Amino acid sequence: MLSEPMTLYKLMILYLLKQVNVTLSENMISEFFLSREYTGYFTLKQALSELGESGLIQLHSTRNASRYSVTEEGVQTLSFFGKRLSPEILADIDRFLRENRFQIRNELSVHADYYPAGQTGYRVHCEVTEGKNSLFSVELTAPEEAQAIEMCRRFSLCSGEVYRLLLKELLQAD
């Protein structure tokens, strides 16, 4: 184990992001570290911030989510120093990713965000993707920001039902 815990946490984050090879939500990263009691929330936030400031990870933010990806510099750093991670820690990260692969995939495929639309309120953009292909995309107008926020939250929870309902209605024979 490393003598500097913060360095260990940073290497663990780099390995976690490299293994998924896509953006990963801050919630998912936090779930790994906090559920296994590797460190506390504020220490994790500090590690993420320092990795971002040094250009080893990249933050992708929307109004309702923060997602991270590893940069090429982060991959190189991991290749130099990753050997310092114990086989037990690597196995724990790999196990976490296997156990949560469906949740991670679902997070990647469901997107909802909103933005001001002048006098008409807010535009809410909701999308379901598979890989790089859009399966379903819809934009709606919400008169108030609170409603736009709630629509984004609810779409993330029930996107599958919305998609099935829309398909059923559109494919229904007259």
Protein backbone atom coordinates (compact mmCIF):
# COMPACT_ATOMS: atom_id res chain seq x y z
CA MET A 1 0.00 0.00 0.00
CA LEU A 2 1.13 3.53 -0.65
CA SER A 3 2.28 5.78 2.14
CA GLU A 4 0.17 8.66 0.83
CA PRO A 5 -3.57 7.78 0.96
CA MET A 6 -4.57 10.61 -1.42
CA THR A 7 -2.24 9.22 -4.09
CA LEU A 8 -3.86 5.81 -3.65
CA TYR A 9 -7.36 7.28 -4.07
CA LYS A 10 -6.31 9.12 -7.21
CA LEU A 11 -4.80 5.98 -8.74
CA MET A 12 -7.97 4.07 -7.85
CA ILE A 13 -10.12 6.70 -9.58
CA LEU A 14 -7.91 6.58 -12.68
CA TYR A 15 -8.14 2.78 -12.78
CA LEU A 16 -11.91 2.86 -12.28
CA LEU A 17 -12.39 5.34 -15.13
CA LYS A 18 -9.98 3.51 -17.41
CA GLN A 19 -11.78 0.21 -16.87
CA VAL A 20 -15.21 1.57 -17.83
CA ASN A 21 -13.74 3.40 -20.83
CA VAL A 22 -16.67 5.85 -20.80
CA THR A 23 -17.86 8.68 -18.58
CA LEU A 24 -18.84 7.63 -15.09
CA SER A 25 -21.15 9.57 -12.80
CA GLU A 26 -19.87 11.14 -9.63
CA ASN A 27 -22.58 9.18 -7.82
CA MET A 28 -21.21 5.88 -9.10
CA ILE A 29 -17.63 6.79 -8.15
CA SER A 30 -18.84 7.87 -4.70
CA GLU A 31 -20.82 4.66 -4.29
CA PHE A 32 -17.69 2.60 -4.86
CA PHE A 33 -15.50 4.52 -2.41
CA LEU A 34 -18.10 5.10 0.29
CA SER A 35 -19.77 1.68 0.26
CA ARG A 36 -16.41 0.00 0.72
CA GLU A 37 -15.26 2.64 3.22
CA TYR A 38 -12.07 3.47 1.36
CA THR A 39 -12.45 7.16 2.22
CA GLY A 40 -14.98 9.85 3.06
CA TYR A 41 -16.97 12.04 0.71
CA PHE A 42 -14.92 15.22 1.13
CA THR A 43 -11.61 13.45 0.62
CA LEU A 44 -13.01 11.85 -2.53
CA LYS A 45 -14.21 15.24 -3.80
CA GLN A 46 -10.73 16.63 -3.17
CA ALA A 47 -9.12 13.76 -5.10
CA LEU A 48 -11.50 14.29 -8.04
CA SER A 49 -10.82 18.02 -8.00
CA GLU A 50 -7.04 17.58 -7.94
CA LEU A 51 -7.16 15.01 -10.75
CA GLY A 52 -9.23 17.43 -12.81
CA GLU A 53 -6.93 20.37 -12.11
CA SER A 54 -3.92 18.32 -13.18
CA GLY A 55 -5.63 17.26 -16.42
CA LEU A 56 -5.71 13.54 -15.57
CA ILE A 57 -9.52 13.35 -15.66
CA GLN A 58 -12.14 15.48 -17.36
CA LEU A 59 -15.39 16.68 -15.82
CA HIS A 60 -18.53 16.65 -18.00
CA SER A 61 -21.33 18.59 -16.28
CA THR A 62 -24.99 19.11 -16.96
CA ARG A 63 -27.46 20.75 -14.61
CA ASN A 64 -28.36 17.45 -12.98
CA ALA A 65 -25.21 15.33 -13.19
CA SER A 66 -21.43 15.35 -13.05
CA ARG A 67 -19.65 12.71 -15.07
CA TYR A 68 -15.94 11.98 -15.33
CA SER A 69 -13.66 10.42 -17.91
CA VAL A 70 -9.96 9.66 -17.84
CA THR A 71 -7.74 11.67 -20.20
CA GLU A 72 -4.82 10.32 -22.18
CA GLU A 73 -2.51 11.88 -19.57
CA GLY A 74 -4.44 10.01 -16.89
CA VAL A 75 -4.00 6.70 -18.72
CA GLN A 76 -0.27 7.39 -19.05
CA THR A 77 0.02 8.25 -15.36
CA LEU A 78 -1.78 5.04 -14.46
CA SER A 79 0.57 3.03 -16.68
CA PHE A 80 3.55 4.51 -14.78
CA PHE A 81 2.19 4.26 -11.24
CA GLY A 82 -0.67 1.76 -11.44
CA LYS A 83 1.59 -1.06 -10.27
CA ARG A 84 1.35 0.49 -6.81
CA LEU A 85 -2.30 -0.59 -6.57
CA SER A 86 -2.58 -3.90 -4.77
CA PRO A 87 -4.17 -6.90 -6.52
CA GLU A 88 -6.91 -6.83 -3.85
CA ILE A 89 -7.87 -3.25 -4.70
CA LEU A 90 -7.85 -3.98 -8.44
CA ALA A 91 -10.04 -7.03 -7.86
CA ASP A 92 -12.42 -4.96 -5.70
CA ILE A 93 -12.79 -2.33 -8.43
CA ASP A 94 -13.31 -4.97 -11.12
CA ARG A 95 -15.92 -6.74 -8.97
CA PHE A 96 -17.76 -3.45 -8.37
CA LEU A 97 -17.86 -2.73 -12.11
CA ARG A 98 -19.17 -6.24 -12.87
CA GLU A 99 -21.83 -6.02 -10.17
CA ASN A 100 -22.99 -2.59 -11.36
CA ARG A 101 -22.60 -2.96 -15.12
CA PHE A 102 -26.34 -2.66 -15.80
CA GLN A 103 -26.70 0.47 -13.69
CA ILE A 104 -23.62 1.97 -15.36
CA ARG A 105 -24.98 1.12 -18.81
CA ASN A 106 -28.36 2.61 -17.91
CA GLU A 107 -26.71 5.82 -16.70
CA LEU A 108 -24.91 6.09 -20.01
CA SER A 109 -27.99 5.54 -22.12
CA VAL A 110 -30.50 7.89 -20.45
CA HIS A 111 -29.93 11.62 -20.71
CA ALA A 112 -32.13 14.49 -19.57
CA ASP A 113 -31.27 18.17 -19.34
CA TYR A 114 -33.04 21.50 -19.61
CA TYR A 115 -32.21 25.03 -20.67
CA PRO A 116 -33.99 28.41 -20.80
CA ALA A 117 -36.23 28.93 -23.82
CA GLY A 118 -36.90 32.66 -23.68
CA GLN A 119 -40.44 33.72 -22.78
CA THR A 120 -41.86 30.21 -23.09
CA GLY A 121 -40.10 28.81 -20.03
CA TYR A 122 -37.61 25.95 -20.28
CA ARG A 123 -36.85 23.35 -22.95
CA VAL A 124 -36.42 19.85 -21.57
CA HIS A 125 -34.39 17.51 -23.77
CA CYS A 126 -34.73 13.79 -23.01
CA GLU A 127 -32.88 11.07 -24.89
CA VAL A 128 -32.24 7.34 -24.77
CA THR A 129 -29.15 6.13 -26.59
CA GLU A 130 -27.50 2.82 -27.31
CA GLY A 131 -23.82 3.26 -27.89
CA LYS A 132 -23.54 6.28 -30.17
CA ASN A 133 -27.00 5.81 -31.67
CA SER A 134 -30.05 7.72 -30.47
CA LEU A 135 -33.02 5.39 -29.95
CA PHE A 136 -35.45 8.03 -28.75
CA SER A 137 -35.27 11.78 -28.32
CA VAL A 138 -37.94 14.24 -27.30
CA GLU A 139 -38.06 17.93 -26.37
CA LEU A 140 -40.79 19.38 -24.23
CA THR A 141 -41.50 22.81 -22.80
CA ALA A 142 -41.93 23.43 -19.08
CA PRO A 143 -43.26 26.80 -17.92
CA GLU A 144 -41.21 26.82 -14.70
CA GLU A 145 -37.68 25.69 -13.83
CA ALA A 146 -38.91 23.49 -10.98
CA GLN A 147 -41.07 21.58 -13.47
CA ALA A 148 -38.14 21.21 -15.88
CA ILE A 149 -36.00 19.79 -13.08
CA GLU A 150 -38.74 17.33 -12.11
CA MET A 151 -39.24 16.25 -15.73
CA CYS A 152 -35.50 15.47 -16.02
CA ARG A 153 -35.56 13.52 -12.77
CA ARG A 154 -38.66 11.53 -13.71
CA PHE A 155 -37.40 10.75 -17.21
CA SER A 156 -34.27 9.22 -15.71
CA LEU A 157 -36.50 6.98 -13.58
CA CYS A 158 -39.11 5.96 -16.15
CA SER A 159 -37.52 6.35 -19.60
CA GLY A 160 -38.16 2.71 -20.46
CA GLU A 161 -41.89 3.04 -19.81
CA VAL A 162 -42.08 6.27 -21.83
CA TYR A 163 -40.26 4.61 -24.73
CA ARG A 164 -42.54 1.52 -24.66
CA LEU A 165 -45.69 3.66 -24.45
CA LEU A 166 -44.62 5.82 -27.37
CA LEU A 167 -43.73 2.77 -29.50
CA LYS A 168 -47.04 1.11 -28.65
CA GLU A 169 -49.01 4.20 -29.64
CA LEU A 170 -47.05 4.83 -32.84
CA LEU A 171 -47.14 1.21 -34.02
CA GLN A 172 -50.79 0.60 -33.16
CA ALA A 173 -52.82 -0.38 -36.20
CA ASP A 174 -55.97 1.62 -36.91
